[in-house]
PDB file of N, CA and C in Angstrom:
ATOM      1  N   UNK A   1      85.081 162.057 127.604  1.00  0.00           N
ATOM      2  CA  UNK A   1      85.919 161.609 128.703  1.00  0.00           C
ATOM      3  C   UNK A   1      85.289 162.025 130.031  1.00  0.00           C
ATOM      4  N   UNK A   2      85.260 161.116 130.967  1.00  0.00           N
ATOM      5  CA  UNK A   2      84.750 161.406 132.304  1.00  0.00           C
ATOM      6  C   UNK A   2      85.843 162.100 133.103  1.00  0.00           C
ATOM      7  N   UNK A   3      85.490 163.207 133.743  1.00  0.00           N
ATOM      8  CA  UNK A   3      86.440 163.937 134.581  1.00  0.00           C
ATOM      9  C   UNK A   3      85.934 163.976 136.013  1.00  0.00           C
ATOM     10  N   UNK A   4      86.877 164.023 136.945  1.00  0.00           N
ATOM     11  CA  UNK A   4      86.546 164.262 138.345  1.00  0.00           C
ATOM     12  C   UNK A   4      87.353 165.454 138.828  1.00  0.00           C
ATOM     13  N   UNK A   5      86.953 166.011 139.960  1.00  0.00           N
ATOM     14  CA  UNK A   5      87.642 167.161 140.552  1.00  0.00           C
ATOM     15  C   UNK A   5      87.819 166.905 142.037  1.00  0.00           C
ATOM     16  N   UNK A   6      89.016 167.173 142.529  1.00  0.00           N
ATOM     17  CA  UNK A   6      89.316 167.039 143.955  1.00  0.00           C
ATOM     18  C   UNK A   6      90.026 168.304 144.428  1.00  0.00           C
ATOM     19  N   UNK A   7      89.598 168.802 145.586  1.00  0.00           N
ATOM     20  CA  UNK A   7      90.290 169.901 146.269  1.00  0.00           C
ATOM     21  C   UNK A   7      91.056 169.262 147.426  1.00  0.00           C
ATOM     22  N   UNK A   8      92.349 169.559 147.508  1.00  0.00           N
ATOM     23  CA  UNK A   8      93.221 168.923 148.488  1.00  0.00           C
ATOM     24  C   UNK A   8      93.873 169.992 149.354  1.00  0.00           C
ATOM     25  N   UNK A   9      93.834 169.793 150.666  1.00  0.00           N
ATOM     26  CA  UNK A   9      94.526 170.666 151.614  1.00  0.00           C
ATOM     27  C   UNK A   9      95.601 169.842 152.298  1.00  0.00           C
ATOM     28  N   UNK A  10      96.858 170.277 152.170  1.00  0.00           N
ATOM     29  CA  UNK A  10      97.997 169.516 152.660  1.00  0.00           C
ATOM     30  C   UNK A  10      98.651 170.281 153.816  1.00  0.00           C
ATOM     31  N   UNK A  11      98.794 169.604 154.960  1.00  0.00           N
ATOM     32  CA  UNK A  11      99.405 170.206 156.150  1.00  0.00           C
ATOM     33  C   UNK A  11     100.766 169.578 156.416  1.00  0.00           C
ATOM     34  N   UNK A  12     101.583 170.290 157.164  1.00  0.00           N
ATOM     35  CA  UNK A  12     102.921 169.820 157.530  1.00  0.00           C
ATOM     36  C   UNK A  12     103.950 170.838 157.068  1.00  0.00           C
ATOM     37  N   UNK A  13     105.175 170.372 156.854  1.00  0.00           N
ATOM     38  CA  UNK A  13     106.205 171.247 156.289  1.00  0.00           C
ATOM     39  C   UNK A  13     106.079 171.138 154.772  1.00  0.00           C
ATOM     40  N   UNK A  14     105.219 172.000 154.226  1.00  0.00           N
ATOM     41  CA  UNK A  14     104.899 171.906 152.807  1.00  0.00           C
ATOM     42  C   UNK A  14     105.133 173.220 152.059  1.00  0.00           C
ATOM     43  N   UNK A  15     105.560 174.242 152.771  1.00  0.00           N
ATOM     44  CA  UNK A  15     105.926 175.493 152.113  1.00  0.00           C
ATOM     45  C   UNK A  15     107.439 175.661 152.184  1.00  0.00           C
ATOM     46  N   UNK A  16     107.993 176.309 151.176  1.00  0.00           N
ATOM     47  CA  UNK A  16     109.444 176.515 151.049  1.00  0.00           C
ATOM     48  C   UNK A  16     110.210 175.209 150.859  1.00  0.00           C
ATOM     49  N   UNK A  17     109.534 174.201 150.296  1.00  0.00           N
ATOM     50  CA  UNK A  17     110.179 172.920 149.987  1.00  0.00           C
ATOM     51  C   UNK A  17     109.894 172.512 148.537  1.00  0.00           C
ATOM     52  N   UNK A  18     109.513 173.487 147.708  1.00  0.00           N
ATOM     53  CA  UNK A  18     109.208 173.266 146.290  1.00  0.00           C
ATOM     54  C   UNK A  18     108.001 172.361 146.074  1.00  0.00           C
ATOM     55  N   UNK A  19     107.062 172.373 147.022  1.00  0.00           N
ATOM     56  CA  UNK A  19     105.868 171.544 146.895  1.00  0.00           C
ATOM     57  C   UNK A  19     105.047 171.959 145.677  1.00  0.00           C
ATOM     58  N   UNK A  20     104.811 173.262 145.522  1.00  0.00           N
ATOM     59  CA  UNK A  20     103.970 173.721 144.415  1.00  0.00           C
ATOM     60  C   UNK A  20     104.581 173.390 143.064  1.00  0.00           C
ATOM     61  N   UNK A  21     105.866 173.630 142.916  1.00  0.00           N
ATOM     62  CA  UNK A  21     106.530 173.356 141.646  1.00  0.00           C
ATOM     63  C   UNK A  21     106.507 171.862 141.329  1.00  0.00           C
ATOM     64  N   UNK A  22     106.804 171.033 142.329  1.00  0.00           N
ATOM     65  CA  UNK A  22     106.779 169.586 142.118  1.00  0.00           C
ATOM     66  C   UNK A  22     105.365 169.109 141.791  1.00  0.00           C
ATOM     67  N   UNK A  23     104.378 169.680 142.461  1.00  0.00           N
ATOM     68  CA  UNK A  23     102.981 169.326 142.210  1.00  0.00           C
ATOM     69  C   UNK A  23     102.600 169.673 140.767  1.00  0.00           C
ATOM     70  N   UNK A  24     103.001 170.838 140.318  1.00  0.00           N
ATOM     71  CA  UNK A  24     102.705 171.245 138.939  1.00  0.00           C
ATOM     72  C   UNK A  24     103.333 170.280 137.940  1.00  0.00           C
ATOM     73  N   UNK A  25     104.592 169.898 138.169  1.00  0.00           N
ATOM     74  CA  UNK A  25     105.260 168.947 137.274  1.00  0.00           C
ATOM     75  C   UNK A  25     104.517 167.609 137.241  1.00  0.00           C
ATOM     76  N   UNK A  26     104.105 167.123 138.424  1.00  0.00           N
ATOM     77  CA  UNK A  26     103.356 165.858 138.496  1.00  0.00           C
ATOM     78  C   UNK A  26     102.040 165.971 137.729  1.00  0.00           C
ATOM     79  N   UNK A  27     101.356 167.100 137.892  1.00  0.00           N
ATOM     80  CA  UNK A  27     100.065 167.295 137.220  1.00  0.00           C
ATOM     81  C   UNK A  27     100.235 167.358 135.703  1.00  0.00           C
ATOM     82  N   UNK A  28     101.227 168.099 135.241  1.00  0.00           N
ATOM     83  CA  UNK A  28     101.458 168.213 133.801  1.00  0.00           C
ATOM     84  C   UNK A  28     101.825 166.863 133.196  1.00  0.00           C
ATOM     85  N   UNK A  29     102.627 166.094 133.923  1.00  0.00           N
ATOM     86  CA  UNK A  29     103.034 164.773 133.448  1.00  0.00           C
ATOM     87  C   UNK A  29     101.820 163.855 133.259  1.00  0.00           C
ATOM     88  N   UNK A  30     100.819 164.041 134.110  1.00  0.00           N
ATOM     89  CA  UNK A  30      99.622 163.187 134.063  1.00  0.00           C
ATOM     90  C   UNK A  30      98.453 163.834 133.316  1.00  0.00           C
ATOM     91  N   UNK A  31      98.704 165.009 132.749  1.00  0.00           N
ATOM     92  CA  UNK A  31      97.671 165.745 132.003  1.00  0.00           C
ATOM     93  C   UNK A  31      96.450 166.057 132.867  1.00  0.00           C
ATOM     94  N   UNK A  32      96.722 166.477 134.087  1.00  0.00           N
ATOM     95  CA  UNK A  32      95.661 166.888 135.005  1.00  0.00           C
ATOM     96  C   UNK A  32      95.626 168.409 135.042  1.00  0.00           C
ATOM     97  N   UNK A  33      94.444 168.984 134.987  1.00  0.00           N
ATOM     98  CA  UNK A  33      94.272 170.437 135.035  1.00  0.00           C
ATOM     99  C   UNK A  33      94.005 170.871 136.465  1.00  0.00           C
ATOM    100  N   UNK A  34      94.198 172.189 136.725  1.00  0.00           N
ATOM    101  CA  UNK A  34      93.911 172.743 138.043  1.00  0.00           C
ATOM    102  C   UNK A  34      94.924 173.774 138.463  1.00  0.00           C
ATOM    103  N   UNK A  35      95.163 173.826 139.758  1.00  0.00           N
ATOM    104  CA  UNK A  35      96.097 174.819 140.302  1.00  0.00           C
ATOM    105  C   UNK A  35      96.554 174.393 141.691  1.00  0.00           C
ATOM    106  N   UNK A  36      97.619 175.057 142.176  1.00  0.00           N
ATOM    107  CA  UNK A  36      98.141 174.822 143.517  1.00  0.00           C
ATOM    108  C   UNK A  36      98.608 176.156 144.084  1.00  0.00           C
ATOM    109  N   UNK A  37      98.404 176.360 145.388  1.00  0.00           N
ATOM    110  CA  UNK A  37      98.829 177.619 146.018  1.00  0.00           C
ATOM    111  C   UNK A  37      99.152 177.405 147.489  1.00  0.00           C
ATOM    112  N   UNK A  38      99.970 178.310 148.032  1.00  0.00           N
ATOM    113  CA  UNK A  38     100.241 178.348 149.460  1.00  0.00           C
ATOM    114  C   UNK A  38      99.110 179.091 150.159  1.00  0.00           C
ATOM    115  N   UNK A  39      98.767 178.655 151.357  1.00  0.00           N
ATOM    116  CA  UNK A  39      97.797 179.360 152.180  1.00  0.00           C
ATOM    117  C   UNK A  39      98.524 180.070 153.318  1.00  0.00           C
ATOM    118  N   UNK A  40      97.920 181.121 153.836  1.00  0.00           N
ATOM    119  CA  UNK A  40      98.534 181.924 154.899  1.00  0.00           C
ATOM    120  C   UNK A  40      98.781 181.104 156.168  1.00  0.00           C
ATOM    121  N   UNK A  41      98.003 180.040 156.370  1.00  0.00           N
ATOM    122  CA  UNK A  41      98.155 179.241 157.597  1.00  0.00           C
ATOM    123  C   UNK A  41      99.240 178.168 157.483  1.00  0.00           C
ATOM    124  N   UNK A  42      99.990 178.165 156.378  1.00  0.00           N
ATOM    125  CA  UNK A  42     101.099 177.224 156.216  1.00  0.00           C
ATOM    126  C   UNK A  42     100.758 175.983 155.417  1.00  0.00           C
ATOM    127  N   UNK A  43      99.491 175.792 155.087  1.00  0.00           N
ATOM    128  CA  UNK A  43      99.101 174.647 154.281  1.00  0.00           C
ATOM    129  C   UNK A  43      99.254 174.960 152.792  1.00  0.00           C
ATOM    130  N   UNK A  44      99.168 173.915 151.981  1.00  0.00           N
ATOM    131  CA  UNK A  44      99.104 174.053 150.531  1.00  0.00           C
ATOM    132  C   UNK A  44      97.726 173.563 150.102  1.00  0.00           C
ATOM    133  N   UNK A  45      97.093 174.315 149.201  1.00  0.00           N
ATOM    134  CA  UNK A  45      95.798 173.930 148.643  1.00  0.00           C
ATOM    135  C   UNK A  45      95.986 173.652 147.161  1.00  0.00           C
ATOM    136  N   UNK A  46      95.375 172.580 146.693  1.00  0.00           N
ATOM    137  CA  UNK A  46      95.459 172.237 145.269  1.00  0.00           C
ATOM    138  C   UNK A  46      94.104 171.763 144.777  1.00  0.00           C
ATOM    139  N   UNK A  47      93.847 172.016 143.507  1.00  0.00           N
ATOM    140  CA  UNK A  47      92.659 171.499 142.835  1.00  0.00           C
ATOM    141  C   UNK A  47      93.141 170.704 141.635  1.00  0.00           C
ATOM    142  N   UNK A  48      92.656 169.471 141.540  1.00  0.00           N
ATOM    143  CA  UNK A  48      93.011 168.586 140.434  1.00  0.00           C
ATOM    144  C   UNK A  48      91.733 168.216 139.689  1.00  0.00           C
ATOM    145  N   UNK A  49      91.771 168.317 138.378  1.00  0.00           N
ATOM    146  CA  UNK A  49      90.606 167.968 137.568  1.00  0.00           C
ATOM    147  C   UNK A  49      91.057 167.212 136.326  1.00  0.00           C
ATOM    148  N   UNK A  50      90.410 166.085 136.059  1.00  0.00           N
ATOM    149  CA  UNK A  50      90.745 165.326 134.871  1.00  0.00           C
ATOM    150  C   UNK A  50      90.376 163.866 135.003  1.00  0.00           C
ATOM    151  N   UNK A  51      91.138 163.022 134.301  1.00  0.00           N
ATOM    152  CA  UNK A  51      90.918 161.585 134.312  1.00  0.00           C
ATOM    153  C   UNK A  51      90.937 161.062 135.750  1.00  0.00           C
ATOM    154  N   UNK A  52      89.939 160.262 136.143  1.00  0.00           N
ATOM    155  CA  UNK A  52      89.865 159.797 137.533  1.00  0.00           C
ATOM    156  C   UNK A  52      91.138 159.124 138.044  1.00  0.00           C
ATOM    157  N   UNK A  53      91.738 158.240 137.258  1.00  0.00           N
ATOM    158  CA  UNK A  53      92.949 157.553 137.716  1.00  0.00           C
ATOM    159  C   UNK A  53      94.097 158.536 137.915  1.00  0.00           C
ATOM    160  N   UNK A  54      94.245 159.490 137.006  1.00  0.00           N
ATOM    161  CA  UNK A  54      95.326 160.473 137.109  1.00  0.00           C
ATOM    162  C   UNK A  54      95.115 161.393 138.308  1.00  0.00           C
ATOM    163  N   UNK A  55      93.882 161.817 138.534  1.00  0.00           N
ATOM    164  CA  UNK A  55      93.583 162.685 139.683  1.00  0.00           C
ATOM    165  C   UNK A  55      93.862 161.939 140.984  1.00  0.00           C
ATOM    166  N   UNK A  56      93.426 160.697 141.081  1.00  0.00           N
ATOM    167  CA  UNK A  56      93.656 159.933 142.312  1.00  0.00           C
ATOM    168  C   UNK A  56      95.147 159.678 142.533  1.00  0.00           C
ATOM    169  N   UNK A  57      95.911 159.528 141.458  1.00  0.00           N
ATOM    170  CA  UNK A  57      97.365 159.374 141.587  1.00  0.00           C
ATOM    171  C   UNK A  57      97.978 160.644 142.181  1.00  0.00           C
ATOM    172  N   UNK A  58      97.509 161.808 141.735  1.00  0.00           N
ATOM    173  CA  UNK A  58      98.016 163.069 142.287  1.00  0.00           C
ATOM    174  C   UNK A  58      97.615 163.245 143.747  1.00  0.00           C
ATOM    175  N   UNK A  59      96.390 162.877 144.083  1.00  0.00           N
ATOM    176  CA  UNK A  59      95.958 162.952 145.479  1.00  0.00           C
ATOM    177  C   UNK A  59      96.869 162.071 146.337  1.00  0.00           C
ATOM    178  N   UNK A  60      97.165 160.877 145.867  1.00  0.00           N
ATOM    179  CA  UNK A  60      98.065 159.983 146.601  1.00  0.00           C
ATOM    180  C   UNK A  60      99.457 160.591 146.718  1.00  0.00           C
ATOM    181  N   UNK A  61      99.939 161.237 145.655  1.00  0.00           N
ATOM    182  CA  UNK A  61     101.260 161.885 145.689  1.00  0.00           C
ATOM    183  C   UNK A  61     101.313 162.942 146.791  1.00  0.00           C
ATOM    184  N   UNK A  62     100.210 163.652 147.004  1.00  0.00           N
ATOM    185  CA  UNK A  62     100.165 164.713 148.020  1.00  0.00           C
ATOM    186  C   UNK A  62     100.428 164.184 149.429  1.00  0.00           C
ATOM    187  N   UNK A  63     100.178 162.910 149.685  1.00  0.00           N
ATOM    188  CA  UNK A  63     100.443 162.344 151.007  1.00  0.00           C
ATOM    189  C   UNK A  63     101.940 162.266 151.302  1.00  0.00           C
ATOM    190  N   UNK A  64     102.757 162.367 150.263  1.00  0.00           N
ATOM    191  CA  UNK A  64     104.210 162.330 150.426  1.00  0.00           C
ATOM    192  C   UNK A  64     104.828 163.657 150.001  1.00  0.00           C
ATOM    193  N   UNK A  65     104.460 164.135 148.825  1.00  0.00           N
ATOM    194  CA  UNK A  65     105.023 165.379 148.318  1.00  0.00           C
ATOM    195  C   UNK A  65     106.445 165.196 147.847  1.00  0.00           C
ATOM    196  N   UNK A  66     107.136 166.313 147.601  1.00  0.00           N
ATOM    197  CA  UNK A  66     108.532 166.246 147.153  1.00  0.00           C
ATOM    198  C   UNK A  66     109.447 165.830 148.304  1.00  0.00           C
ATOM    199  N   UNK A  67     110.702 165.502 147.992  1.00  0.00           N
ATOM    200  CA  UNK A  67     111.616 164.971 149.012  1.00  0.00           C
ATOM    201  C   UNK A  67     111.769 165.825 150.275  1.00  0.00           C
ATOM    202  N   UNK A  68     111.757 167.147 150.168  1.00  0.00           N
ATOM    203  CA  UNK A  68     111.994 167.992 151.349  1.00  0.00           C
ATOM    204  C   UNK A  68     110.741 168.233 152.178  1.00  0.00           C
ATOM    205  N   UNK A  69     109.590 167.804 151.692  1.00  0.00           N
ATOM    206  CA  UNK A  69     108.329 168.015 152.418  1.00  0.00           C
ATOM    207  C   UNK A  69     108.168 166.990 153.540  1.00  0.00           C
ATOM    208  N   UNK A  70     107.379 167.370 154.529  1.00  0.00           N
ATOM    209  CA  UNK A  70     106.992 166.465 155.604  1.00  0.00           C
ATOM    210  C   UNK A  70     105.491 166.633 155.804  1.00  0.00           C
ATOM    211  N   UNK A  71     104.722 165.791 155.153  1.00  0.00           N
ATOM    212  CA  UNK A  71     103.265 165.898 155.167  1.00  0.00           C
ATOM    213  C   UNK A  71     102.715 165.222 156.419  1.00  0.00           C
ATOM    214  N   UNK A  72     101.852 165.948 157.145  1.00  0.00           N
ATOM    215  CA  UNK A  72     101.241 165.387 158.350  1.00  0.00           C
ATOM    216  C   UNK A  72      99.754 165.099 158.182  1.00  0.00           C
ATOM    217  N   UNK A  73      99.109 165.774 157.225  1.00  0.00           N
ATOM    218  CA  UNK A  73      97.668 165.583 157.046  1.00  0.00           C
ATOM    219  C   UNK A  73      97.268 165.998 155.637  1.00  0.00           C
ATOM    220  N   UNK A  74      96.351 165.237 155.047  1.00  0.00           N
ATOM    221  CA  UNK A  74      95.810 165.568 153.730  1.00  0.00           C
ATOM    222  C   UNK A  74      94.287 165.471 153.820  1.00  0.00           C
ATOM    223  N   UNK A  75      93.623 166.577 153.507  1.00  0.00           N
ATOM    224  CA  UNK A  75      92.161 166.592 153.460  1.00  0.00           C
ATOM    225  C   UNK A  75      91.750 166.646 151.997  1.00  0.00           C
ATOM    226  N   UNK A  76      90.791 165.815 151.617  1.00  0.00           N
ATOM    227  CA  UNK A  76      90.354 165.727 150.225  1.00  0.00           C
ATOM    228  C   UNK A  76      88.847 165.955 150.164  1.00  0.00           C
ATOM    229  N   UNK A  77      88.443 166.851 149.288  1.00  0.00           N
ATOM    230  CA  UNK A  77      87.022 167.127 149.073  1.00  0.00           C
ATOM    231  C   UNK A  77      86.675 166.848 147.621  1.00  0.00           C
ATOM    232  N   UNK A  78      85.576 166.144 147.407  1.00  0.00           N
ATOM    233  CA  UNK A  78      85.074 165.926 146.051  1.00  0.00           C
ATOM    234  C   UNK A  78      84.271 167.155 145.646  1.00  0.00           C
ATOM    235  N   UNK A  79      84.460 167.604 144.411  1.00  0.00           N
ATOM    236  CA  UNK A  79      83.726 168.739 143.864  1.00  0.00           C
ATOM    237  C   UNK A  79      83.318 168.413 142.442  1.00  0.00           C
ATOM    238  N   UNK A  80      82.273 169.055 141.940  1.00  0.00           N
ATOM    239  CA  UNK A  80      81.919 168.836 140.534  1.00  0.00           C
ATOM    240  C   UNK A  80      82.935 169.515 139.617  1.00  0.00           C
ATOM    241  N   UNK A  81      83.317 168.881 138.518  1.00  0.00           N
ATOM    242  CA  UNK A  81      84.253 169.490 137.570  1.00  0.00           C
ATOM    243  C   UNK A  81      83.707 170.810 137.023  1.00  0.00           C
ATOM    244  N   UNK A  82      84.621 171.773 136.809  1.00  0.00           N
ATOM    245  CA  UNK A  82      84.227 173.084 136.286  1.00  0.00           C
ATOM    246  C   UNK A  82      84.907 173.394 134.961  1.00  0.00           C
ATOM    247  N   UNK A  83      85.731 172.490 134.465  1.00  0.00           N
ATOM    248  CA  UNK A  83      86.383 172.723 133.174  1.00  0.00           C
ATOM    249  C   UNK A  83      87.701 173.467 133.280  1.00  0.00           C
ATOM    250  N   UNK A  84      88.491 173.174 134.317  1.00  0.00           N
ATOM    251  CA  UNK A  84      89.822 173.778 134.438  1.00  0.00           C
ATOM    252  C   UNK A  84      90.614 173.497 133.161  1.00  0.00           C
ATOM    253  N   UNK A  85      91.526 174.403 132.824  1.00  0.00           N
ATOM    254  CA  UNK A  85      92.361 174.222 131.645  1.00  0.00           C
ATOM    255  C   UNK A  85      93.799 174.573 132.002  1.00  0.00           C
ATOM    256  N   UNK A  86      94.707 173.630 131.855  1.00  0.00           N
ATOM    257  CA  UNK A  86      96.093 173.848 132.217  1.00  0.00           C
ATOM    258  C   UNK A  86      96.286 173.664 133.707  1.00  0.00           C
ATOM    259  N   UNK A  87      97.522 173.865 134.165  1.00  0.00           N
ATOM    260  CA  UNK A  87      97.809 173.746 135.595  1.00  0.00           C
ATOM    261  C   UNK A  87      98.696 174.916 136.020  1.00  0.00           C
ATOM    262  N   UNK A  88      98.223 175.670 137.000  1.00  0.00           N
ATOM    263  CA  UNK A  88      98.911 176.900 137.393  1.00  0.00           C
ATOM    264  C   UNK A  88      99.381 176.842 138.838  1.00  0.00           C
ATOM    265  N   UNK A  89     100.449 177.578 139.099  1.00  0.00           N
ATOM    266  CA  UNK A  89     100.852 177.849 140.486  1.00  0.00           C
ATOM    267  C   UNK A  89     100.268 179.216 140.797  1.00  0.00           C
ATOM    268  N   UNK A  90      99.337 179.246 141.721  1.00  0.00           N
ATOM    269  CA  UNK A  90      98.626 180.483 142.043  1.00  0.00           C
ATOM    270  C   UNK A  90      99.292 181.215 143.195  1.00  0.00           C
TER     271      UNK A  90
END
């Protein structure tokens, strides 16, 4: 299976709105591996690794996030896959 990896930085009102938990649920539903965490500057950082279509669907989801989020910017970086296993809230 071909895998891709994307690192995503999400800006806006994305902390204290269940962004990480919702992101984890979306990733598990799509069988995407990786992790998501809050950053000290108020952004959320996530890494998605897996099937290209599933990863791109998650990247697209980050532009909206969960209902209480207000996303203003999403930065996406392509990275080589490293073999993530499971999906964690870091």
